[in-house]
C-alpha atoms as a PDB file:
ATOM      1  CA  MET A   1     -33.544-153.287 141.619  1.00  0.00           C
ATOM      2  CA  SER A   2     -36.959-154.303 142.885  1.00  0.00           C
ATOM      3  CA  SER A   3     -40.246-152.963 141.579  1.00  0.00           C
ATOM      4  CA  ALA A   4     -43.546-152.286 143.307  1.00  0.00           C
ATOM      5  CA  GLY A   5     -46.627-151.015 141.539  1.00  0.00           C
ATOM      6  CA  VAL A   6     -47.109-148.860 138.468  1.00  0.00           C
ATOM      7  CA  THR A   7     -46.798-145.182 137.696  1.00  0.00           C
ATOM      8  CA  GLY A   8     -48.679-143.048 140.195  1.00  0.00           C
ATOM      9  CA  PRO A   9     -48.261-140.371 142.830  1.00  0.00           C
ATOM     10  CA  GLN A  10     -44.994-140.299 144.733  1.00  0.00           C
ATOM     11  CA  PRO A  11     -45.325-142.363 147.942  1.00  0.00           C
ATOM     12  CA  SER A  12     -44.098-141.296 151.376  1.00  0.00           C
ATOM     13  CA  ALA A  13     -40.375-140.611 151.151  1.00  0.00           C
ATOM     14  CA  ALA A  14     -39.782-141.824 154.720  1.00  0.00           C
ATOM     15  CA  VAL A  15     -41.407-145.167 153.954  1.00  0.00           C
ATOM     16  CA  VAL A  16     -39.592-145.687 150.676  1.00  0.00           C
ATOM     17  CA  TRP A  17     -36.133-144.822 152.021  1.00  0.00           C
ATOM     18  CA  HIS A  18     -36.703-147.082 155.013  1.00  0.00           C
ATOM     19  CA  ASP A  19     -37.608-149.929 152.676  1.00  0.00           C
ATOM     20  CA  VAL A  20     -34.694-149.231 150.319  1.00  0.00           C
ATOM     21  CA  GLU A  21     -32.031-148.990 153.012  1.00  0.00           C
ATOM     22  CA  CYS A  22     -33.318-151.399 155.671  1.00  0.00           C
ATOM     23  CA  GLY A  23     -35.922-153.656 154.087  1.00  0.00           C
ATOM     24  CA  ALA A  24     -33.505-156.225 152.668  1.00  0.00           C
ATOM     25  CA  TYR A  25     -31.524-156.683 155.900  1.00  0.00           C
ATOM     26  CA  ALA A  26     -32.171-160.186 157.239  1.00  0.00           C
ATOM     27  CA  ALA A  27     -29.082-161.159 159.260  1.00  0.00           C
ATOM     28  CA  ASP A  28     -30.863-160.569 162.568  1.00  0.00           C
ATOM     29  CA  LEU A  29     -34.205-162.216 161.791  1.00  0.00           C
ATOM     30  CA  ALA A  30     -33.247-165.711 162.949  1.00  0.00           C
ATOM     31  CA  LEU A  31     -32.284-164.378 166.383  1.00  0.00           C
ATOM     32  CA  TRP A  32     -35.504-162.382 166.853  1.00  0.00           C
ATOM     33  CA  GLU A  33     -37.459-165.455 165.787  1.00  0.00           C
ATOM     34  CA  GLU A  34     -35.576-167.627 168.285  1.00  0.00           C
ATOM     35  CA  LEU A  35     -36.233-165.148 171.101  1.00  0.00           C
ATOM     36  CA  ALA A  36     -39.920-164.890 170.203  1.00  0.00           C
ATOM     37  CA  GLU A  37     -40.260-168.678 170.250  1.00  0.00           C
ATOM     38  CA  SER A  38     -38.634-168.833 173.680  1.00  0.00           C
ATOM     39  CA  ALA A  39     -40.771-165.998 175.059  1.00  0.00           C
ATOM     40  CA  GLY A  40     -44.007-167.774 174.198  1.00  0.00           C
ATOM     41  CA  GLY A  41     -46.135-164.632 174.276  1.00  0.00           C
ATOM     42  CA  PRO A  42     -46.758-161.227 172.704  1.00  0.00           C
ATOM     43  CA  VAL A  43     -43.834-159.216 171.357  1.00  0.00           C
ATOM     44  CA  LEU A  44     -43.241-155.454 171.386  1.00  0.00           C
ATOM     45  CA  ASP A  45     -41.105-154.119 168.509  1.00  0.00           C
ATOM     46  CA  LEU A  46     -39.621-150.702 169.367  1.00  0.00           C
ATOM     47  CA  GLY A  47     -38.796-148.537 166.358  1.00  0.00           C
ATOM     48  CA  CYS A  48     -40.688-150.975 164.154  1.00  0.00           C
ATOM     49  CA  GLY A  49     -40.532-148.924 160.961  1.00  0.00           C
ATOM     50  CA  THR A  50     -42.634-150.470 158.213  1.00  0.00           C
ATOM     51  CA  GLY A  51     -42.519-153.893 159.874  1.00  0.00           C
ATOM     52  CA  ARG A  52     -39.337-155.577 158.692  1.00  0.00           C
ATOM     53  CA  VAL A  53     -38.985-157.612 161.905  1.00  0.00           C
ATOM     54  CA  ALA A  54     -42.519-157.503 163.288  1.00  0.00           C
ATOM     55  CA  LEU A  55     -44.206-158.791 160.143  1.00  0.00           C
ATOM     56  CA  HIS A  56     -41.584-161.527 159.824  1.00  0.00           C
ATOM     57  CA  LEU A  57     -42.462-162.690 163.336  1.00  0.00           C
ATOM     58  CA  ALA A  58     -46.204-162.321 162.788  1.00  0.00           C
ATOM     59  CA  ALA A  59     -45.987-164.460 159.649  1.00  0.00           C
ATOM     60  CA  ARG A  60     -44.660-167.203 161.930  1.00  0.00           C
ATOM     61  CA  GLY A  61     -47.596-166.962 164.299  1.00  0.00           C
ATOM     62  CA  HIS A  62     -46.295-164.524 166.917  1.00  0.00           C
ATOM     63  CA  ARG A  63     -48.541-161.708 168.111  1.00  0.00           C
ATOM     64  CA  VAL A  64     -46.628-158.458 167.681  1.00  0.00           C
ATOM     65  CA  HIS A  65     -47.252-154.815 168.527  1.00  0.00           C
ATOM     66  CA  GLY A  66     -45.047-152.279 166.768  1.00  0.00           C
ATOM     67  CA  LEU A  67     -44.207-148.793 167.979  1.00  0.00           C
ATOM     68  CA  ASP A  68     -42.698-146.046 165.839  1.00  0.00           C
ATOM     69  CA  VAL A  69     -42.518-142.270 166.061  1.00  0.00           C
ATOM     70  CA  ASP A  70     -43.245-141.821 162.330  1.00  0.00           C
ATOM     71  CA  PRO A  71     -46.989-141.932 161.490  1.00  0.00           C
ATOM     72  CA  GLU A  72     -46.307-142.711 157.826  1.00  0.00           C
ATOM     73  CA  MET A  73     -44.289-145.798 158.702  1.00  0.00           C
ATOM     74  CA  VAL A  74     -46.966-146.926 161.144  1.00  0.00           C
ATOM     75  CA  ALA A  75     -49.608-146.522 158.446  1.00  0.00           C
ATOM     76  CA  ALA A  76     -47.516-148.587 156.016  1.00  0.00           C
ATOM     77  CA  PHE A  77     -46.985-151.247 158.698  1.00  0.00           C
ATOM     78  CA  ASN A  78     -50.700-151.589 159.362  1.00  0.00           C
ATOM     79  CA  GLU A  79     -51.532-151.655 155.660  1.00  0.00           C
ATOM     80  CA  ARG A  80     -49.022-154.450 155.089  1.00  0.00           C
ATOM     81  CA  SER A  81     -50.000-156.516 158.111  1.00  0.00           C
ATOM     82  CA  GLY A  82     -53.268-157.656 156.501  1.00  0.00           C
ATOM     83  CA  GLU A  83     -54.589-160.658 158.414  1.00  0.00           C
ATOM     84  CA  LEU A  84     -51.369-161.206 160.340  1.00  0.00           C
ATOM     85  CA  PRO A  85     -51.465-160.943 164.163  1.00  0.00           C
ATOM     86  CA  ALA A  86     -49.621-157.615 164.112  1.00  0.00           C
ATOM     87  CA  GLN A  87     -50.509-153.983 164.546  1.00  0.00           C
ATOM     88  CA  ALA A  88     -48.543-150.798 165.124  1.00  0.00           C
ATOM     89  CA  GLY A  89     -49.132-147.502 166.854  1.00  0.00           C
ATOM     90  CA  VAL A  90     -47.464-144.111 166.825  1.00  0.00           C
ATOM     91  CA  GLY A  91     -45.296-143.484 169.867  1.00  0.00           C
ATOM     92  CA  ASP A  92     -41.886-142.414 171.107  1.00  0.00           C
ATOM     93  CA  ALA A  93     -39.826-145.297 172.494  1.00  0.00           C
ATOM     94  CA  ARG A  94     -38.576-142.954 175.231  1.00  0.00           C
ATOM     95  CA  ASN A  95     -42.057-142.109 176.495  1.00  0.00           C
ATOM     96  CA  PHE A  96     -44.975-144.391 175.714  1.00  0.00           C
ATOM     97  CA  GLU A  97     -47.834-146.053 177.531  1.00  0.00           C
ATOM     98  CA  LEU A  98     -49.665-149.075 176.179  1.00  0.00           C
ATOM     99  CA  ARG A  99     -52.458-150.979 177.850  1.00  0.00           C
ATOM    100  CA  ALA A 100     -50.662-154.272 177.384  1.00  0.00           C
ATOM    101  CA  GLU A 101     -47.864-156.398 178.773  1.00  0.00           C
ATOM    102  CA  PHE A 102     -45.368-158.314 176.686  1.00  0.00           C
ATOM    103  CA  CYS A 103     -43.197-161.376 177.135  1.00  0.00           C
ATOM    104  CA  LEU A 104     -40.541-159.948 174.830  1.00  0.00           C
ATOM    105  CA  ALA A 105     -39.590-156.425 173.769  1.00  0.00           C
ATOM    106  CA  ILE A 106     -37.006-155.889 171.045  1.00  0.00           C
ATOM    107  CA  ALA A 107     -35.060-152.852 169.830  1.00  0.00           C
ATOM    108  CA  PRO A 108     -33.387-153.827 166.547  1.00  0.00           C
ATOM    109  CA  MET A 109     -31.078-151.813 164.296  1.00  0.00           C
ATOM    110  CA  GLN A 110     -29.233-149.837 167.004  1.00  0.00           C
ATOM    111  CA  LEU A 111     -32.306-147.923 168.181  1.00  0.00           C
ATOM    112  CA  LEU A 112     -30.692-147.071 171.538  1.00  0.00           C
ATOM    113  CA  GLN A 113     -27.733-145.455 169.785  1.00  0.00           C
ATOM    114  CA  LEU A 114     -29.964-142.981 167.964  1.00  0.00           C
ATOM    115  CA  PHE A 115     -30.827-141.299 171.276  1.00  0.00           C
ATOM    116  CA  ALA A 116     -28.941-138.204 172.421  1.00  0.00           C
ATOM    117  CA  GLY A 117     -27.506-139.598 175.658  1.00  0.00           C
ATOM    118  CA  ASP A 118     -27.870-141.807 178.707  1.00  0.00           C
ATOM    119  CA  GLY A 119     -30.972-139.945 179.955  1.00  0.00           C
ATOM    120  CA  GLU A 120     -32.913-140.759 176.797  1.00  0.00           C
ATOM    121  CA  ARG A 121     -31.641-144.335 176.774  1.00  0.00           C
ATOM    122  CA  THR A 122     -32.669-144.840 180.399  1.00  0.00           C
ATOM    123  CA  ALA A 123     -36.123-143.453 179.633  1.00  0.00           C
ATOM    124  CA  CYS A 124     -36.498-145.979 176.818  1.00  0.00           C
ATOM    125  CA  LEU A 125     -35.281-148.856 178.984  1.00  0.00           C
ATOM    126  CA  SER A 126     -37.675-147.863 181.791  1.00  0.00           C
ATOM    127  CA  CYS A 127     -40.660-147.609 179.443  1.00  0.00           C
ATOM    128  CA  ALA A 128     -39.860-150.981 177.928  1.00  0.00           C
ATOM    129  CA  ALA A 129     -39.426-152.577 181.360  1.00  0.00           C
ATOM    130  CA  SER A 130     -42.786-151.242 182.540  1.00  0.00           C
ATOM    131  CA  HIS A 131     -44.468-153.061 179.655  1.00  0.00           C
ATOM    132  CA  LEU A 132     -42.808-156.423 180.320  1.00  0.00           C
ATOM    133  CA  ARG A 133     -44.316-159.191 182.353  1.00  0.00           C
ATOM    134  CA  THR A 134     -42.225-160.317 185.314  1.00  0.00           C
ATOM    135  CA  GLY A 135     -39.499-162.483 183.834  1.00  0.00           C
ATOM    136  CA  GLY A 136     -40.014-160.956 180.399  1.00  0.00           C
ATOM    137  CA  THR A 137     -37.040-160.094 178.192  1.00  0.00           C
ATOM    138  CA  LEU A 138     -35.865-156.892 176.544  1.00  0.00           C
ATOM    139  CA  ALA A 139     -33.372-157.451 173.709  1.00  0.00           C
ATOM    140  CA  VAL A 140     -31.488-154.470 172.272  1.00  0.00           C
ATOM    141  CA  ALA A 141     -29.083-154.469 169.332  1.00  0.00           C
ATOM    142  CA  ILE A 142     -26.037-152.183 169.410  1.00  0.00           C
ATOM    143  CA  VAL A 143     -22.793-151.652 167.506  1.00  0.00           C
ATOM    144  CA  GLU A 144     -20.231-151.822 170.300  1.00  0.00           C
ATOM    145  CA  ASP A 145     -16.974-150.904 168.593  1.00  0.00           C
ATOM    146  CA  VAL A 146     -17.586-147.852 166.425  1.00  0.00           C
ATOM    147  CA  LEU A 147     -13.892-147.620 165.527  1.00  0.00           C
ATOM    148  CA  GLY A 148     -13.896-151.269 164.482  1.00  0.00           C
ATOM    149  CA  ALA A 149     -17.101-150.714 162.542  1.00  0.00           C
ATOM    150  CA  GLU A 150     -15.499-147.829 160.680  1.00  0.00           C
ATOM    151  CA  SER A 151     -12.520-150.007 159.750  1.00  0.00           C
ATOM    152  CA  GLU A 152     -14.773-152.905 158.773  1.00  0.00           C
ATOM    153  CA  ILE A 153     -16.782-150.753 156.391  1.00  0.00           C
ATOM    154  CA  ALA A 154     -13.733-148.932 155.043  1.00  0.00           C
ATOM    155  CA  GLY A 155     -12.247-152.298 154.092  1.00  0.00           C
ATOM    156  CA  ASP A 156     -15.353-153.380 152.173  1.00  0.00           C
ATOM    157  CA  SER A 157     -14.666-153.155 148.444  1.00  0.00           C
ATOM    158  CA  ARG A 158     -18.381-152.618 147.706  1.00  0.00           C
ATOM    159  CA  ARG A 159     -18.017-149.120 149.129  1.00  0.00           C
ATOM    160  CA  GLY A 160     -15.146-148.147 146.881  1.00  0.00           C
ATOM    161  CA  PRO A 161     -15.468-146.875 143.305  1.00  0.00           C
ATOM    162  CA  GLY A 162     -18.090-148.855 141.439  1.00  0.00           C
ATOM    163  CA  ALA A 163     -20.068-149.841 144.538  1.00  0.00           C
ATOM    164  CA  MET A 164     -23.682-150.662 143.734  1.00  0.00           C
ATOM    165  CA  PRO A 165     -26.464-148.676 145.422  1.00  0.00           C
ATOM    166  CA  ASP A 166     -29.570-150.085 147.031  1.00  0.00           C
ATOM    167  CA  ALA A 167     -32.392-149.247 144.623  1.00  0.00           C
ATOM    168  CA  ARG A 168     -36.103-149.700 144.196  1.00  0.00           C
ATOM    169  CA  GLU A 169     -38.792-148.636 141.738  1.00  0.00           C
ATOM    170  CA  VAL A 170     -42.122-147.637 143.260  1.00  0.00           C
ATOM    171  CA  CYS A 171     -45.058-146.329 141.216  1.00  0.00           C
ATOM    172  CA  GLY A 172     -42.764-145.195 138.412  1.00  0.00           C
ATOM    173  CA  TRP A 173     -40.324-143.423 140.750  1.00  0.00           C
ATOM    174  CA  VAL A 174     -36.792-144.805 141.083  1.00  0.00           C
ATOM    175  CA  TYR A 175     -35.011-144.507 144.431  1.00  0.00           C
ATOM    176  CA  SER A 176     -31.294-145.169 144.802  1.00  0.00           C
ATOM    177  CA  SER A 177     -29.218-145.067 148.001  1.00  0.00           C
ATOM    178  CA  LEU A 178     -25.448-145.331 147.713  1.00  0.00           C
ATOM    179  CA  PRO A 179     -23.245-145.755 150.835  1.00  0.00           C
ATOM    180  CA  LEU A 180     -20.638-142.994 150.736  1.00  0.00           C
ATOM    181  CA  GLU A 181     -18.683-143.343 153.964  1.00  0.00           C
ATOM    182  CA  THR A 182     -18.823-144.289 157.611  1.00  0.00           C
ATOM    183  CA  VAL A 183     -16.627-142.212 159.909  1.00  0.00           C
ATOM    184  CA  VAL A 184     -16.122-141.830 163.638  1.00  0.00           C
ATOM    185  CA  ASP A 185     -16.341-138.349 165.117  1.00  0.00           C
ATOM    186  CA  GLY A 186     -15.765-137.936 168.851  1.00  0.00           C
ATOM    187  CA  GLY A 187     -16.830-141.478 169.705  1.00  0.00           C
ATOM    188  CA  GLU A 188     -19.914-141.285 167.509  1.00  0.00           C
ATOM    189  CA  MET A 189     -20.342-143.015 164.167  1.00  0.00           C
ATOM    190  CA  VAL A 190     -21.933-141.219 161.230  1.00  0.00           C
ATOM    191  CA  VAL A 191     -23.156-143.145 158.181  1.00  0.00           C
ATOM    192  CA  ARG A 192     -23.524-141.059 155.041  1.00  0.00           C
ATOM    193  CA  ARG A 193     -25.532-142.110 152.005  1.00  0.00           C
ATOM    194  CA  LEU A 194     -26.251-140.425 148.683  1.00  0.00           C
ATOM    195  CA  ARG A 195     -29.983-140.599 148.059  1.00  0.00           C
ATOM    196  CA  GLN A 196     -31.100-140.056 144.458  1.00  0.00           C
ATOM    197  CA  THR A 197     -34.673-139.945 143.184  1.00  0.00           C
ATOM    198  CA  VAL A 198     -35.712-140.160 139.540  1.00  0.00           C
ATOM    199  CA  ALA A 199     -39.281-139.015 138.818  1.00  0.00           C
ATOM    200  CA  PRO A 200     -41.395-140.689 136.108  1.00  0.00           C
ATOM    201  CA  ASP A 201     -40.562-137.778 133.788  1.00  0.00           C
ATOM    202  CA  GLY A 202     -36.840-138.364 134.301  1.00  0.00           C
ATOM    203  CA  GLU A 203     -36.114-135.452 136.637  1.00  0.00           C
ATOM    204  CA  LEU A 204     -33.276-136.297 139.026  1.00  0.00           C
ATOM    205  CA  SER A 205     -32.904-134.994 142.569  1.00  0.00           C
ATOM    206  CA  ASP A 206     -30.381-135.979 145.219  1.00  0.00           C
ATOM    207  CA  GLU A 207     -29.310-135.338 148.805  1.00  0.00           C
ATOM    208  CA  VAL A 208     -26.805-136.690 151.304  1.00  0.00           C
ATOM    209  CA  ASP A 209     -28.429-138.370 154.306  1.00  0.00           C
ATOM    210  CA  GLU A 210     -26.641-138.808 157.631  1.00  0.00           C
ATOM    211  CA  VAL A 211     -27.398-141.208 160.478  1.00  0.00           C
ATOM    212  CA  TRP A 212     -25.535-140.704 163.762  1.00  0.00           C
ATOM    213  CA  LEU A 213     -24.963-143.558 166.199  1.00  0.00           C
ATOM    214  CA  ARG A 214     -23.692-142.709 169.683  1.00  0.00           C
ATOM    215  CA  GLY A 215     -20.882-144.819 171.081  1.00  0.00           C
ATOM    216  CA  LEU A 216     -22.178-147.515 173.431  1.00  0.00           C
ATOM    217  CA  ASP A 217     -21.108-150.909 174.722  1.00  0.00           C
ATOM    218  CA  ALA A 218     -22.961-153.825 176.264  1.00  0.00           C
ATOM    219  CA  ALA A 219     -21.651-153.149 179.772  1.00  0.00           C
ATOM    220  CA  ALA A 220     -23.015-149.597 179.664  1.00  0.00           C
ATOM    221  CA  VAL A 221     -26.425-150.832 178.515  1.00  0.00           C
ATOM    222  CA  GLU A 222     -26.507-153.361 181.333  1.00  0.00           C
ATOM    223  CA  ALA A 223     -25.559-150.716 183.904  1.00  0.00           C
ATOM    224  CA  GLU A 224     -28.219-148.276 182.684  1.00  0.00           C
ATOM    225  CA  ALA A 225     -30.823-151.039 182.560  1.00  0.00           C
ATOM    226  CA  ALA A 226     -30.295-151.866 186.247  1.00  0.00           C
ATOM    227  CA  ALA A 227     -32.001-148.596 187.218  1.00  0.00           C
ATOM    228  CA  ALA A 228     -35.045-149.735 185.252  1.00  0.00           C
ATOM    229  CA  GLY A 229     -35.322-153.033 187.143  1.00  0.00           C
ATOM    230  CA  LEU A 230     -33.717-155.075 184.385  1.00  0.00           C
ATOM    231  CA  ARG A 231     -30.936-157.587 184.970  1.00  0.00           C
ATOM    232  CA  PRO A 232     -28.524-158.876 182.316  1.00  0.00           C
ATOM    233  CA  VAL A 233     -29.158-162.438 181.177  1.00  0.00           C
ATOM    234  CA  GLY A 234     -26.763-162.768 178.264  1.00  0.00           C
ATOM    235  CA  ARG A 235     -25.466-161.359 175.016  1.00  0.00           C
ATOM    236  CA  ARG A 236     -25.792-162.611 171.464  1.00  0.00           C
ATOM    237  CA  ALA A 237     -23.836-161.719 168.343  1.00  0.00           C
ATOM    238  CA  ILE A 238     -25.195-160.875 164.906  1.00  0.00           C
ATOM    239  CA  GLY A 239     -22.542-161.278 162.243  1.00  0.00           C
ATOM    240  CA  ALA A 240     -21.561-158.663 159.697  1.00  0.00           C
ATOM    241  CA  THR A 241     -22.809-158.792 156.119  1.00  0.00           C
ATOM    242  CA  PRO A 242     -21.368-157.115 152.992  1.00  0.00           C
ATOM    243  CA  ASP A 243     -23.814-154.248 153.628  1.00  0.00           C
ATOM    244  CA  HIS A 244     -24.055-154.039 157.425  1.00  0.00           C
ATOM    245  CA  VAL A 245     -21.644-154.185 160.339  1.00  0.00           C
ATOM    246  CA  GLY A 246     -22.029-156.826 163.013  1.00  0.00           C
ATOM    247  CA  SER A 247     -23.834-156.060 166.254  1.00  0.00           C
ATOM    248  CA  THR A 248     -24.311-157.275 169.802  1.00  0.00           C
ATOM    249  CA  VAL A 249     -27.766-158.018 171.213  1.00  0.00           C
ATOM    250  CA  VAL A 250     -27.936-157.375 174.945  1.00  0.00           C
ATOM    251  CA  LEU A 251     -30.530-159.496 176.770  1.00  0.00           C
ATOM    252  CA  LEU A 252     -32.201-158.029 179.855  1.00  0.00           C
ATOM    253  CA  GLU A 253     -34.846-159.563 182.105  1.00  0.00           C
ATOM    254  CA  ARG A 254     -37.476-157.777 184.151  1.00  0.00           C
ATOM    255  CA  GLU A 255     -37.061-158.628 187.794  1.00  0.00           C
ATOM    256  CA  ALA A 256     -39.962-159.258 190.177  1.00  0.00           C
END
């Protein structure tokens, strides 16, 4: 369990749960860093959250702009960025307009699969493409095989009896998130977690959180991206960890 701060008012729940459940994930960072080095210019991080990827890149000298629909996460991002060359703004990845162009845009953590269907995905791809310089790259991470992902997680002993939750103490509050199950329903994958909060006075509250990922493969992303003026330029793999399934990063280039 990690600790941050002393007893005080309860912080934003959205920020804390994002940090608890996503903040420690690092398997993809080397790839984003490699792509940023190759791009040689400013980076756009779609669905940036509190800055897990963007602040990692900024700490290595890359200029990064984050975009997230949650104002509380954007506020946390900007508070944490300090003197780093990174800032974030509130915006929907399916419909945004920035007065800037980027050499690289990234969509980590299966952002595209959170959208309701191909119309929303195409809107996101088009918005991203319109903010890329000619020859710029959009890189999106997806879980291709939801059935395989379900089997992979089901076979992980950490998620059986006695599995340890992700936990963090913040200002005297203790937050715990325990993976319960990952199941496939109609080609979509749902990840369920038990979230428990212990207040400084010891009061316990809990809820089950669900995240739905729509089924998607790299070929479908490439086909949808073509309508946005993006051409496929490769795919990269991010390996599985004990806590996260593996993913495919689809690389797309803005055509002239």
